[in-house]
Amino acid sequence: MKSDSPVADQTDHPGEPIAVTAAGAIPWRVKNEQLEVLLIHRPRYDDWSWPKGKLDAGETVPECAVREVEEEIGLQAPLGIPLPPIHYHVSAGLKVVHYWAVEVVNGAHLLPDGKEVDSVMWCSPERAASLLSNPTDVVPLEFLAAAHARKELHTWPLVIVRHAKAKPRSSWTKAEGERPLAATGVRQAQAVRRLLRAWKPMRVVSSPWRRCVSTIAPYAKAYDAKVKLVDALTEHRHARNPKKTAAAVEALFDKQRAVVLCTHRPALPTVLKQLSDSMSARLKGVLPVADPYLAPGEMIICHVAHGSKSKIVAVEQFKPFDD
């Protein structure tokens, strides 16, 4: 996992192994032109905190964050920008909690589970900072408030996926575009489906070759996402005319809505170069620079600021859970 968040290292605990990994989110909204965040009260600890919890077996940290937010406050919402993780000691050792911003849109109904969470409170970031029981919980809050001030909090996700593991070229004698996924790739495609739910893009843009379509199909079917097949994203078309591949990537910005693109390893340098034109030098440094760029099924999530044509303000990189 890679993520462009400050304090993502263990500055205060260099080299200490992580004993417990958890994930959660800071829900936020803008009401009467003022930023508000949602605190939760946990009766077990009698504290004010953010929705969060420990990873389940076979779960990635983004999946954990989405699940915990849904379980604790009844909110089904995609993850926004990554926030700085926090580290602190518990009885088992060093604990890390990964956080994301989650926008609560008008009309969303929150339903605390009553057991883990018995009440919630919307308040200003300043009020939240004074109420938080764990002082380290202020770190992601401050980052969220600063992002809002920079107009980099309200975003939509642009996701790039390398297709899952395919059968070897050496053992395939038919058309290259028909080469299917290997058994491992079929399992990876299901893991891609689970991980993509964290950002829930309802648009899918893919190479029409079988191994790309098969990678993205479980997700598209599960969530009824609209699929568009683009010839410029195939290996052969990219080799002949990479400018058309770059144009297909640039077109992802047109609708300003969540989208996932699935393509092949040879096209990734062109895809990443096109995306890098929309980000700062700091973010460019987060992008992979060496072949194979992404492992089969691995994805890069670019968070694009609303109100801009194509300003990428955060970048993350995740592999789906590999069984």
C-alpha atoms as a PDB file:
ATOM      1  CA  MET A   1       0.000   0.000   0.000  1.00  0.00           C
ATOM      2  CA  LYS A   2       1.171   3.481  -0.854  1.00  0.00           C
ATOM      3  CA  SER A   3      -0.546   6.685   0.080  1.00  0.00           C
ATOM      4  CA  ASP A   4       0.376  10.317  -0.291  1.00  0.00           C
ATOM      5  CA  SER A   5      -0.390  11.539   3.201  1.00  0.00           C
ATOM      6  CA  PRO A   6       1.883  13.460   5.514  1.00  0.00           C
ATOM      7  CA  VAL A   7       2.776  11.682   8.751  1.00  0.00           C
ATOM      8  CA  ALA A   8       2.389   8.376   6.911  1.00  0.00           C
ATOM      9  CA  ASP A   9       5.649   7.200   8.421  1.00  0.00           C
ATOM     10  CA  GLN A  10       6.165   6.258  12.044  1.00  0.00           C
ATOM     11  CA  THR A  11       7.974   9.434  12.997  1.00  0.00           C
ATOM     12  CA  ASP A  12       7.485   8.923  16.718  1.00  0.00           C
ATOM     13  CA  HIS A  13       7.997   5.148  16.606  1.00  0.00           C
ATOM     14  CA  PRO A  14      10.816   4.473  14.134  1.00  0.00           C
ATOM     15  CA  GLY A  15      11.253   0.811  13.288  1.00  0.00           C
ATOM     16  CA  GLU A  16       8.676  -0.417  15.777  1.00  0.00           C
ATOM     17  CA  PRO A  17       6.507  -3.221  14.348  1.00  0.00           C
ATOM     18  CA  ILE A  18       2.785  -2.606  13.938  1.00  0.00           C
ATOM     19  CA  ALA A  19       0.809  -4.884  16.269  1.00  0.00           C
ATOM     20  CA  VAL A  20      -2.714  -3.690  15.402  1.00  0.00           C
ATOM     21  CA  THR A  21      -3.994  -2.184  12.131  1.00  0.00           C
ATOM     22  CA  ALA A  22      -7.310  -0.350  11.986  1.00  0.00           C
ATOM     23  CA  ALA A  23      -9.080   1.988   9.583  1.00  0.00           C
ATOM     24  CA  GLY A  24     -11.810   4.592   9.694  1.00  0.00           C
ATOM     25  CA  ALA A  25     -12.973   7.944   8.433  1.00  0.00           C
ATOM     26  CA  ILE A  26     -13.888  11.481   9.346  1.00  0.00           C
ATOM     27  CA  PRO A  27     -17.375  12.196   7.983  1.00  0.00           C
ATOM     28  CA  TRP A  28     -17.788  15.809   6.876  1.00  0.00           C
ATOM     29  CA  ARG A  29     -20.301  18.180   5.312  1.00  0.00           C
ATOM     30  CA  VAL A  30     -20.674  21.870   4.541  1.00  0.00           C
ATOM     31  CA  LYS A  31     -23.726  23.476   6.168  1.00  0.00           C
ATOM     32  CA  ASN A  32     -24.501  27.185   5.857  1.00  0.00           C
ATOM     33  CA  GLU A  33     -21.105  27.526   4.138  1.00  0.00           C
ATOM     34  CA  GLN A  34     -19.342  26.174   7.235  1.00  0.00           C
ATOM     35  CA  LEU A  35     -17.360  22.945   7.443  1.00  0.00           C
ATOM     36  CA  GLU A  36     -18.691  20.439   9.980  1.00  0.00           C
ATOM     37  CA  VAL A  37     -17.376  17.032  11.040  1.00  0.00           C
ATOM     38  CA  LEU A  38     -19.131  14.133  12.727  1.00  0.00           C
ATOM     39  CA  LEU A  39     -17.971  12.901  16.119  1.00  0.00           C
ATOM     40  CA  ILE A  40     -19.186   9.586  17.519  1.00  0.00           C
ATOM     41  CA  HIS A  41     -19.656   8.667  21.166  1.00  0.00           C
ATOM     42  CA  ARG A  42     -18.678   5.133  22.211  1.00  0.00           C
ATOM     43  CA  PRO A  43     -20.408   4.054  25.434  1.00  0.00           C
ATOM     44  CA  ARG A  44     -17.902   1.266  26.057  1.00  0.00           C
ATOM     45  CA  TYR A  45     -15.123   3.811  26.482  1.00  0.00           C
ATOM     46  CA  ASP A  46     -17.264   6.911  27.166  1.00  0.00           C
ATOM     47  CA  ASP A  47     -15.194   8.800  24.607  1.00  0.00           C
ATOM     48  CA  TRP A  48     -15.591  10.966  21.503  1.00  0.00           C
ATOM     49  CA  SER A  49     -13.866   9.635  18.439  1.00  0.00           C
ATOM     50  CA  TRP A  50     -14.143   8.949  14.692  1.00  0.00           C
ATOM     51  CA  PRO A  51     -15.758   5.832  13.193  1.00  0.00           C
ATOM     52  CA  LYS A  52     -13.042   3.177  12.985  1.00  0.00           C
ATOM     53  CA  GLY A  53     -12.207  -0.443  13.713  1.00  0.00           C
ATOM     54  CA  LYS A  54      -9.747  -3.281  13.226  1.00  0.00           C
ATOM     55  CA  LEU A  55      -9.205  -5.128   9.971  1.00  0.00           C
ATOM     56  CA  ASP A  56     -11.059  -8.366   9.420  1.00  0.00           C
ATOM     57  CA  ALA A  57      -9.213 -11.328   7.932  1.00  0.00           C
ATOM     58  CA  GLY A  58      -8.856 -11.008   4.171  1.00  0.00           C
ATOM     59  CA  GLU A  59      -9.600  -7.275   4.178  1.00  0.00           C
ATOM     60  CA  THR A  60      -7.641  -4.279   2.882  1.00  0.00           C
ATOM     61  CA  VAL A  61      -7.556  -1.033   4.849  1.00  0.00           C
ATOM     62  CA  PRO A  62      -9.904   0.865   2.476  1.00  0.00           C
ATOM     63  CA  GLU A  63     -12.439  -1.976   2.689  1.00  0.00           C
ATOM     64  CA  CYS A  64     -12.161  -1.892   6.474  1.00  0.00           C
ATOM     65  CA  ALA A  65     -12.780   1.864   6.594  1.00  0.00           C
ATOM     66  CA  VAL A  66     -15.909   1.610   4.446  1.00  0.00           C
ATOM     67  CA  ARG A  67     -17.251  -1.322   6.458  1.00  0.00           C
ATOM     68  CA  GLU A  68     -16.650   0.328   9.832  1.00  0.00           C
ATOM     69  CA  VAL A  69     -18.374   3.562   8.784  1.00  0.00           C
ATOM     70  CA  GLU A  70     -21.370   1.577   7.589  1.00  0.00           C
ATOM     71  CA  GLU A  71     -21.518  -0.632  10.675  1.00  0.00           C
ATOM     72  CA  GLU A  72     -21.069   2.111  13.257  1.00  0.00           C
ATOM     73  CA  ILE A  73     -23.172   4.959  11.855  1.00  0.00           C
ATOM     74  CA  GLY A  74     -25.149   3.350   9.002  1.00  0.00           C
ATOM     75  CA  LEU A  75     -23.478   5.474   6.316  1.00  0.00           C
ATOM     76  CA  GLN A  76     -22.727   3.966   2.911  1.00  0.00           C
ATOM     77  CA  ALA A  77     -20.387   6.416   1.220  1.00  0.00           C
ATOM     78  CA  PRO A  78     -17.236   6.258  -0.916  1.00  0.00           C
ATOM     79  CA  LEU A  79     -13.885   7.253   0.532  1.00  0.00           C
ATOM     80  CA  GLY A  80     -12.532  10.700  -0.222  1.00  0.00           C
ATOM     81  CA  ILE A  81      -8.974  11.922   0.193  1.00  0.00           C
ATOM     82  CA  PRO A  82      -6.609   9.981   2.451  1.00  0.00           C
ATOM     83  CA  LEU A  83      -5.823  11.611   5.790  1.00  0.00           C
ATOM     84  CA  PRO A  84      -2.708  11.114   7.908  1.00  0.00           C
ATOM     85  CA  PRO A  85      -2.734   7.833   9.830  1.00  0.00           C
ATOM     86  CA  ILE A  86      -2.109   7.948  13.554  1.00  0.00           C
ATOM     87  CA  HIS A  87       0.017   5.715  15.757  1.00  0.00           C
ATOM     88  CA  TYR A  88      -0.391   5.020  19.464  1.00  0.00           C
ATOM     89  CA  HIS A  89       0.242   2.230  21.926  1.00  0.00           C
ATOM     90  CA  VAL A  90      -2.352  -0.288  23.099  1.00  0.00           C
ATOM     91  CA  SER A  91      -1.874  -3.378  25.247  1.00  0.00           C
ATOM     92  CA  ALA A  92      -0.895  -5.470  22.192  1.00  0.00           C
ATOM     93  CA  GLY A  93       1.754  -2.959  21.077  1.00  0.00           C
ATOM     94  CA  LEU A  94       1.844  -0.196  18.468  1.00  0.00           C
ATOM     95  CA  LYS A  95      -1.490   0.477  16.751  1.00  0.00           C
ATOM     96  CA  VAL A  96      -1.945   2.313  13.434  1.00  0.00           C
ATOM     97  CA  VAL A  97      -5.278   3.738  12.298  1.00  0.00           C
ATOM     98  CA  HIS A  98      -5.619   4.741   8.634  1.00  0.00           C
ATOM     99  CA  TYR A  99      -8.144   7.510   7.965  1.00  0.00           C
ATOM    100  CA  TRP A 100     -10.019   8.954   4.997  1.00  0.00           C
ATOM    101  CA  ALA A 101     -12.354  11.890   4.555  1.00  0.00           C
ATOM    102  CA  VAL A 102     -15.941  10.834   3.785  1.00  0.00           C
ATOM    103  CA  GLU A 103     -18.437  13.373   2.500  1.00  0.00           C
ATOM    104  CA  VAL A 104     -21.976  13.121   3.878  1.00  0.00           C
ATOM    105  CA  VAL A 105     -24.306  14.421   1.191  1.00  0.00           C
ATOM    106  CA  ASN A 106     -27.607  16.158   1.873  1.00  0.00           C
ATOM    107  CA  GLY A 107     -30.324  13.708   2.762  1.00  0.00           C
ATOM    108  CA  ALA A 108     -28.004  10.957   3.986  1.00  0.00           C
ATOM    109  CA  HIS A 109     -29.535   9.227   6.995  1.00  0.00           C
ATOM    110  CA  LEU A 110     -27.202   8.318   9.833  1.00  0.00           C
ATOM    111  CA  LEU A 111     -28.143   5.458  12.118  1.00  0.00           C
ATOM    112  CA  PRO A 112     -25.761   4.744  15.021  1.00  0.00           C
ATOM    113  CA  ASP A 113     -25.692   1.026  15.769  1.00  0.00           C
ATOM    114  CA  GLY A 114     -26.580   1.680  19.437  1.00  0.00           C
ATOM    115  CA  LYS A 115     -23.981  -0.745  20.722  1.00  0.00           C
ATOM    116  CA  GLU A 116     -20.586   0.496  19.521  1.00  0.00           C
ATOM    117  CA  VAL A 117     -21.956   4.013  19.014  1.00  0.00           C
ATOM    118  CA  ASP A 118     -24.843   5.474  21.004  1.00  0.00           C
ATOM    119  CA  SER A 119     -24.816   9.062  19.724  1.00  0.00           C
ATOM    120  CA  VAL A 120     -23.260  11.331  17.109  1.00  0.00           C
ATOM    121  CA  MET A 121     -22.582  15.055  16.975  1.00  0.00           C
ATOM    122  CA  TRP A 122     -22.034  17.438  14.083  1.00  0.00           C
ATOM    123  CA  CYS A 123     -19.739  20.306  15.046  1.00  0.00           C
ATOM    124  CA  SER A 124     -17.034  22.633  13.792  1.00  0.00           C
ATOM    125  CA  PRO A 125     -13.468  21.291  13.500  1.00  0.00           C
ATOM    126  CA  GLU A 126     -12.476  23.562  16.400  1.00  0.00           C
ATOM    127  CA  ARG A 127     -15.202  22.151  18.634  1.00  0.00           C
ATOM    128  CA  ALA A 128     -14.300  18.610  17.583  1.00  0.00           C
ATOM    129  CA  ALA A 129     -10.648  19.170  18.456  1.00  0.00           C
ATOM    130  CA  SER A 130     -11.637  20.202  21.983  1.00  0.00           C
ATOM    131  CA  LEU A 131     -13.864  17.147  22.479  1.00  0.00           C
ATOM    132  CA  LEU A 132     -11.744  14.335  21.027  1.00  0.00           C
ATOM    133  CA  SER A 133     -10.657  11.948  23.762  1.00  0.00           C
ATOM    134  CA  ASN A 134      -7.516  10.734  21.977  1.00  0.00           C
ATOM    135  CA  PRO A 135      -5.210  13.714  21.274  1.00  0.00           C
ATOM    136  CA  THR A 136      -3.703  12.000  18.210  1.00  0.00           C
ATOM    137  CA  ASP A 137      -7.154  12.031  16.543  1.00  0.00           C
ATOM    138  CA  VAL A 138      -6.626  15.746  15.991  1.00  0.00           C
ATOM    139  CA  VAL A 139      -3.923  15.081  13.359  1.00  0.00           C
ATOM    140  CA  PRO A 140      -6.213  13.835  10.567  1.00  0.00           C
ATOM    141  CA  LEU A 141      -8.807  16.456  11.549  1.00  0.00           C
ATOM    142  CA  GLU A 142      -6.332  19.301  11.038  1.00  0.00           C
ATOM    143  CA  PHE A 143      -5.321  17.885   7.647  1.00  0.00           C
ATOM    144  CA  LEU A 144      -8.987  17.650   6.601  1.00  0.00           C
ATOM    145  CA  ALA A 145      -9.701  21.249   7.634  1.00  0.00           C
ATOM    146  CA  ALA A 146      -6.607  22.495   5.783  1.00  0.00           C
ATOM    147  CA  ALA A 147      -7.650  20.591   2.640  1.00  0.00           C
ATOM    148  CA  HIS A 148     -11.072  22.239   2.833  1.00  0.00           C
ATOM    149  CA  ALA A 149      -9.425  25.659   3.082  1.00  0.00           C
ATOM    150  CA  ARG A 150      -7.382  24.835  -0.067  1.00  0.00           C
ATOM    151  CA  LYS A 151     -10.567  23.667  -1.874  1.00  0.00           C
ATOM    152  CA  GLU A 152      -9.058  20.162  -2.051  1.00  0.00           C
ATOM    153  CA  LEU A 153     -11.529  18.287   0.159  1.00  0.00           C
ATOM    154  CA  HIS A 154     -14.512  17.951  -2.201  1.00  0.00           C
ATOM    155  CA  THR A 155     -13.147  15.441  -4.741  1.00  0.00           C
ATOM    156  CA  TRP A 156     -14.035  12.569  -7.074  1.00  0.00           C
ATOM    157  CA  PRO A 157     -11.921   9.437  -7.665  1.00  0.00           C
ATOM    158  CA  LEU A 158     -10.207   8.425 -10.914  1.00  0.00           C
ATOM    159  CA  VAL A 159      -8.963   4.838 -10.566  1.00  0.00           C
ATOM    160  CA  ILE A 160      -6.455   3.015 -12.784  1.00  0.00           C
ATOM    161  CA  VAL A 161      -6.404  -0.805 -12.641  1.00  0.00           C
ATOM    162  CA  ARG A 162      -3.969  -3.201 -14.304  1.00  0.00           C
ATOM    163  CA  HIS A 163      -5.864  -6.295 -15.428  1.00  0.00           C
ATOM    164  CA  ALA A 164      -5.601  -9.401 -13.261  1.00  0.00           C
ATOM    165  CA  LYS A 165      -3.192 -12.250 -13.972  1.00  0.00           C
ATOM    166  CA  ALA A 166      -3.777 -13.777 -17.416  1.00  0.00           C
ATOM    167  CA  LYS A 167      -2.804 -17.140 -18.827  1.00  0.00           C
ATOM    168  CA  PRO A 168       0.825 -17.077 -20.112  1.00  0.00           C
ATOM    169  CA  ARG A 169       1.370 -15.826 -23.663  1.00  0.00           C
ATOM    170  CA  SER A 170       3.552 -18.870 -24.307  1.00  0.00           C
ATOM    171  CA  SER A 171       0.643 -21.249 -23.733  1.00  0.00           C
ATOM    172  CA  TRP A 172      -1.908 -19.308 -25.807  1.00  0.00           C
ATOM    173  CA  THR A 173      -2.114 -19.883 -29.576  1.00  0.00           C
ATOM    174  CA  LYS A 174      -5.298 -17.965 -30.430  1.00  0.00           C
ATOM    175  CA  ALA A 175      -5.896 -14.226 -30.821  1.00  0.00           C
ATOM    176  CA  GLU A 176      -4.058 -12.162 -28.209  1.00  0.00           C
ATOM    177  CA  GLY A 177      -7.194 -10.177 -27.434  1.00  0.00           C
ATOM    178  CA  GLU A 178      -8.937 -13.395 -26.405  1.00  0.00           C
ATOM    179  CA  ARG A 179      -6.290 -14.557 -23.908  1.00  0.00           C
ATOM    180  CA  PRO A 180      -8.244 -15.208 -20.681  1.00  0.00           C
ATOM    181  CA  LEU A 181      -7.459 -14.796 -17.007  1.00  0.00           C
ATOM    182  CA  ALA A 182      -5.589 -17.536 -15.195  1.00  0.00           C
ATOM    183  CA  ALA A 183      -7.254 -19.177 -12.190  1.00  0.00           C
ATOM    184  CA  THR A 184      -5.329 -16.765  -9.947  1.00  0.00           C
ATOM    185  CA  GLY A 185      -6.592 -13.888 -12.085  1.00  0.00           C
ATOM    186  CA  VAL A 186     -10.206 -14.963 -11.648  1.00  0.00           C
ATOM    187  CA  ARG A 187      -9.759 -14.778  -7.866  1.00  0.00           C
ATOM    188  CA  GLN A 188      -8.008 -11.418  -8.218  1.00  0.00           C
ATOM    189  CA  ALA A 189     -10.963 -10.070 -10.201  1.00  0.00           C
ATOM    190  CA  GLN A 190     -13.249 -10.824  -7.252  1.00  0.00           C
ATOM    191  CA  ALA A 191     -10.802  -9.051  -4.942  1.00  0.00           C
ATOM    192  CA  VAL A 192     -10.765  -6.078  -7.341  1.00  0.00           C
ATOM    193  CA  ARG A 193     -14.569  -6.002  -7.064  1.00  0.00           C
ATOM    194  CA  ARG A 194     -14.402  -5.814  -3.273  1.00  0.00           C
ATOM    195  CA  LEU A 195     -11.703  -3.157  -3.197  1.00  0.00           C
ATOM    196  CA  LEU A 196     -13.312  -0.908  -5.837  1.00  0.00           C
ATOM    197  CA  ARG A 197     -16.406  -0.643  -3.650  1.00  0.00           C
ATOM    198  CA  ALA A 198     -14.392   1.701  -1.409  1.00  0.00           C
ATOM    199  CA  TRP A 199     -14.657   4.388  -4.150  1.00  0.00           C
ATOM    200  CA  LYS A 200     -17.718   3.016  -5.997  1.00  0.00           C
ATOM    201  CA  PRO A 201     -17.110   4.433  -9.485  1.00  0.00           C
ATOM    202  CA  MET A 202     -20.260   4.011 -11.581  1.00  0.00           C
ATOM    203  CA  ARG A 203     -18.348   4.488 -14.832  1.00  0.00           C
ATOM    204  CA  VAL A 204     -15.976   1.812 -16.155  1.00  0.00           C
ATOM    205  CA  VAL A 205     -13.657   2.443 -19.108  1.00  0.00           C
ATOM    206  CA  SER A 206     -11.723  -0.611 -20.277  1.00  0.00           C
ATOM    207  CA  SER A 207      -9.659  -2.161 -23.012  1.00  0.00           C
ATOM    208  CA  PRO A 208     -12.005  -4.502 -24.907  1.00  0.00           C
ATOM    209  CA  TRP A 209      -9.517  -7.366 -24.643  1.00  0.00           C
ATOM    210  CA  ARG A 210     -10.870 -10.309 -22.688  1.00  0.00           C
ATOM    211  CA  ARG A 211      -8.484 -10.186 -19.739  1.00  0.00           C
ATOM    212  CA  CYS A 212      -9.370  -6.550 -18.981  1.00  0.00           C
ATOM    213  CA  VAL A 213     -13.118  -7.075 -19.373  1.00  0.00           C
ATOM    214  CA  SER A 214     -12.953 -10.172 -17.148  1.00  0.00           C
ATOM    215  CA  THR A 215     -11.068  -8.210 -14.476  1.00  0.00           C
ATOM    216  CA  ILE A 216     -13.650  -5.467 -14.252  1.00  0.00           C
ATOM    217  CA  ALA A 217     -16.811  -7.503 -14.972  1.00  0.00           C
ATOM    218  CA  PRO A 218     -17.460  -8.756 -11.399  1.00  0.00           C
ATOM    219  CA  TYR A 219     -17.469  -5.164 -10.116  1.00  0.00           C
ATOM    220  CA  ALA A 220     -19.532  -3.778 -13.007  1.00  0.00           C
ATOM    221  CA  LYS A 221     -22.142  -6.525 -12.603  1.00  0.00           C
ATOM    222  CA  ALA A 222     -22.345  -6.214  -8.819  1.00  0.00           C
ATOM    223  CA  TYR A 223     -22.943  -2.448  -8.879  1.00  0.00           C
ATOM    224  CA  ASP A 224     -24.555  -2.001 -12.302  1.00  0.00           C
ATOM    225  CA  ALA A 225     -21.779   0.317 -13.448  1.00  0.00           C
ATOM    226  CA  LYS A 226     -21.846   1.672 -16.999  1.00  0.00           C
ATOM    227  CA  VAL A 227     -19.064   0.089 -19.096  1.00  0.00           C
ATOM    228  CA  LYS A 228     -17.371   1.701 -22.093  1.00  0.00           C
ATOM    229  CA  LEU A 229     -14.828  -0.283 -24.152  1.00  0.00           C
ATOM    230  CA  VAL A 230     -12.063   1.801 -25.746  1.00  0.00           C
ATOM    231  CA  ASP A 231      -9.810   0.295 -28.429  1.00  0.00           C
ATOM    232  CA  ALA A 232      -7.046   2.838 -27.708  1.00  0.00           C
ATOM    233  CA  LEU A 233      -6.446   1.082 -24.366  1.00  0.00           C
ATOM    234  CA  THR A 234      -5.391  -2.264 -25.924  1.00  0.00           C
ATOM    235  CA  GLU A 235      -1.729  -3.239 -26.145  1.00  0.00           C
ATOM    236  CA  HIS A 236      -1.701  -3.194 -29.966  1.00  0.00           C
ATOM    237  CA  ARG A 237      -3.400   0.179 -30.372  1.00  0.00           C
ATOM    238  CA  HIS A 238      -1.175   1.680 -27.697  1.00  0.00           C
ATOM    239  CA  ALA A 239       1.941   0.410 -29.466  1.00  0.00           C
ATOM    240  CA  ARG A 240       0.775   1.962 -32.743  1.00  0.00           C
ATOM    241  CA  ASN A 241      -0.531   5.252 -31.395  1.00  0.00           C
ATOM    242  CA  PRO A 242       0.164   6.070 -27.724  1.00  0.00           C
ATOM    243  CA  LYS A 243      -1.239   9.582 -28.242  1.00  0.00           C
ATOM    244  CA  LYS A 244      -4.726   8.073 -28.616  1.00  0.00           C
ATOM    245  CA  THR A 245      -4.214   6.159 -25.375  1.00  0.00           C
ATOM    246  CA  ALA A 246      -3.239   9.415 -23.659  1.00  0.00           C
ATOM    247  CA  ALA A 247      -6.330  11.099 -25.097  1.00  0.00           C
ATOM    248  CA  ALA A 248      -8.524   8.311 -23.681  1.00  0.00           C
ATOM    249  CA  VAL A 249      -7.048   9.000 -20.248  1.00  0.00           C
ATOM    250  CA  GLU A 250      -7.566  12.739 -20.591  1.00  0.00           C
ATOM    251  CA  ALA A 251     -11.213  12.124 -21.524  1.00  0.00           C
ATOM    252  CA  LEU A 252     -11.777  10.560 -18.094  1.00  0.00           C
ATOM    253  CA  PHE A 253     -11.824  14.079 -16.639  1.00  0.00           C
ATOM    254  CA  ASP A 254     -14.656  15.296 -18.871  1.00  0.00           C
ATOM    255  CA  LYS A 255     -17.664  14.210 -16.789  1.00  0.00           C
ATOM    256  CA  GLN A 256     -16.159  15.060 -13.378  1.00  0.00           C
ATOM    257  CA  ARG A 257     -17.545  11.837 -11.914  1.00  0.00           C
ATOM    258  CA  ALA A 258     -15.994   8.745 -10.352  1.00  0.00           C
ATOM    259  CA  VAL A 259     -14.492   6.427 -12.968  1.00  0.00           C
ATOM    260  CA  VAL A 260     -12.246   3.368 -13.190  1.00  0.00           C
ATOM    261  CA  LEU A 261     -10.015   2.551 -16.162  1.00  0.00           C
ATOM    262  CA  CYS A 262      -8.658  -0.963 -16.788  1.00  0.00           C
ATOM    263  CA  THR A 263      -5.738  -1.479 -19.145  1.00  0.00           C
ATOM    264  CA  HIS A 264      -2.523  -3.432 -19.815  1.00  0.00           C
ATOM    265  CA  ARG A 265       0.987  -3.201 -18.379  1.00  0.00           C
ATOM    266  CA  PRO A 266       2.582  -1.875 -21.625  1.00  0.00           C
ATOM    267  CA  ALA A 267       0.133   1.058 -21.647  1.00  0.00           C
ATOM    268  CA  LEU A 268       0.756   2.079 -18.043  1.00  0.00           C
ATOM    269  CA  PRO A 269       3.723   4.446 -18.695  1.00  0.00           C
ATOM    270  CA  THR A 270       1.554   6.476 -21.081  1.00  0.00           C
ATOM    271  CA  VAL A 271      -1.404   6.421 -18.683  1.00  0.00           C
ATOM    272  CA  LEU A 272       0.706   7.556 -15.742  1.00  0.00           C
ATOM    273  CA  LYS A 273       2.472  10.239 -17.775  1.00  0.00           C
ATOM    274  CA  GLN A 274      -0.880  11.701 -18.805  1.00  0.00           C
ATOM    275  CA  LEU A 275      -2.104  11.728 -15.204  1.00  0.00           C
ATOM    276  CA  SER A 276       1.147  13.304 -13.985  1.00  0.00           C
ATOM    277  CA  ASP A 277       0.386  16.371 -16.109  1.00  0.00           C
ATOM    278  CA  SER A 278      -2.510  17.099 -13.712  1.00  0.00           C
ATOM    279  CA  MET A 279      -0.591  16.886 -10.453  1.00  0.00           C
ATOM    280  CA  SER A 280       2.119  18.636  -8.483  1.00  0.00           C
ATOM    281  CA  ALA A 281       5.761  17.586  -8.499  1.00  0.00           C
ATOM    282  CA  ARG A 282       5.237  16.181  -4.998  1.00  0.00           C
ATOM    283  CA  LEU A 283       2.449  13.893  -6.173  1.00  0.00           C
ATOM    284  CA  LYS A 284       4.331  12.878  -9.317  1.00  0.00           C
ATOM    285  CA  GLY A 285       6.949  11.478  -6.964  1.00  0.00           C
ATOM    286  CA  VAL A 286       4.364   9.022  -5.587  1.00  0.00           C
ATOM    287  CA  LEU A 287       3.674   7.416  -8.970  1.00  0.00           C
ATOM    288  CA  PRO A 288       5.487   4.167  -9.855  1.00  0.00           C
ATOM    289  CA  VAL A 289       8.324   4.733 -12.310  1.00  0.00           C
ATOM    290  CA  ALA A 290       9.669   1.254 -13.119  1.00  0.00           C
ATOM    291  CA  ASP A 291       8.249  -1.689 -15.020  1.00  0.00           C
ATOM    292  CA  PRO A 292       5.853  -3.389 -14.260  1.00  0.00           C
ATOM    293  CA  TYR A 293       4.447  -0.204 -12.608  1.00  0.00           C
ATOM    294  CA  LEU A 294       1.511  -2.142 -11.120  1.00  0.00           C
ATOM    295  CA  ALA A 295       1.094  -5.794 -10.175  1.00  0.00           C
ATOM    296  CA  PRO A 296      -1.826  -7.671 -11.725  1.00  0.00           C
ATOM    297  CA  GLY A 297      -5.046  -6.327 -10.171  1.00  0.00           C
ATOM    298  CA  GLU A 298      -3.254  -3.457  -8.450  1.00  0.00           C
ATOM    299  CA  MET A 299      -4.744   0.028  -8.672  1.00  0.00           C
ATOM    300  CA  ILE A 300      -3.897   3.704  -8.357  1.00  0.00           C
ATOM    301  CA  ILE A 301      -6.543   6.098  -7.041  1.00  0.00           C
ATOM    302  CA  CYS A 302      -6.278   9.743  -8.057  1.00  0.00           C
ATOM    303  CA  HIS A 303      -8.512  12.175  -6.160  1.00  0.00           C
ATOM    304  CA  VAL A 304      -9.565  15.060  -8.412  1.00  0.00           C
ATOM    305  CA  ALA A 305     -10.771  18.346  -6.931  1.00  0.00           C
ATOM    306  CA  HIS A 306     -14.281  19.422  -7.903  1.00  0.00           C
ATOM    307  CA  GLY A 307     -14.353  22.885  -9.393  1.00  0.00           C
ATOM    308  CA  SER A 308     -11.214  22.196 -11.412  1.00  0.00           C
ATOM    309  CA  LYS A 309     -10.940  20.543 -14.813  1.00  0.00           C
ATOM    310  CA  SER A 310      -8.295  18.023 -13.820  1.00  0.00           C
ATOM    311  CA  LYS A 311      -6.459  18.964 -10.640  1.00  0.00           C
ATOM    312  CA  ILE A 312      -5.344  15.787  -8.857  1.00  0.00           C
ATOM    313  CA  VAL A 313      -4.823  16.547  -5.158  1.00  0.00           C
ATOM    314  CA  ALA A 314      -4.068  13.098  -3.674  1.00  0.00           C
ATOM    315  CA  VAL A 315      -2.777   9.741  -4.911  1.00  0.00           C
ATOM    316  CA  GLU A 316      -3.057   6.267  -3.372  1.00  0.00           C
ATOM    317  CA  GLN A 317      -1.949   2.806  -4.492  1.00  0.00           C
ATOM    318  CA  PHE A 318      -3.431  -0.491  -3.314  1.00  0.00           C
ATOM    319  CA  LYS A 319      -3.313  -4.171  -4.121  1.00  0.00           C
ATOM    320  CA  PRO A 320      -6.496  -6.155  -3.598  1.00  0.00           C
ATOM    321  CA  PHE A 321      -6.213  -8.843  -0.943  1.00  0.00           C
ATOM    322  CA  ASP A 322      -4.211 -11.760  -2.358  1.00  0.00           C
ATOM    323  CA  ASP A 323      -5.286 -15.120  -0.981  1.00  0.00           C
END
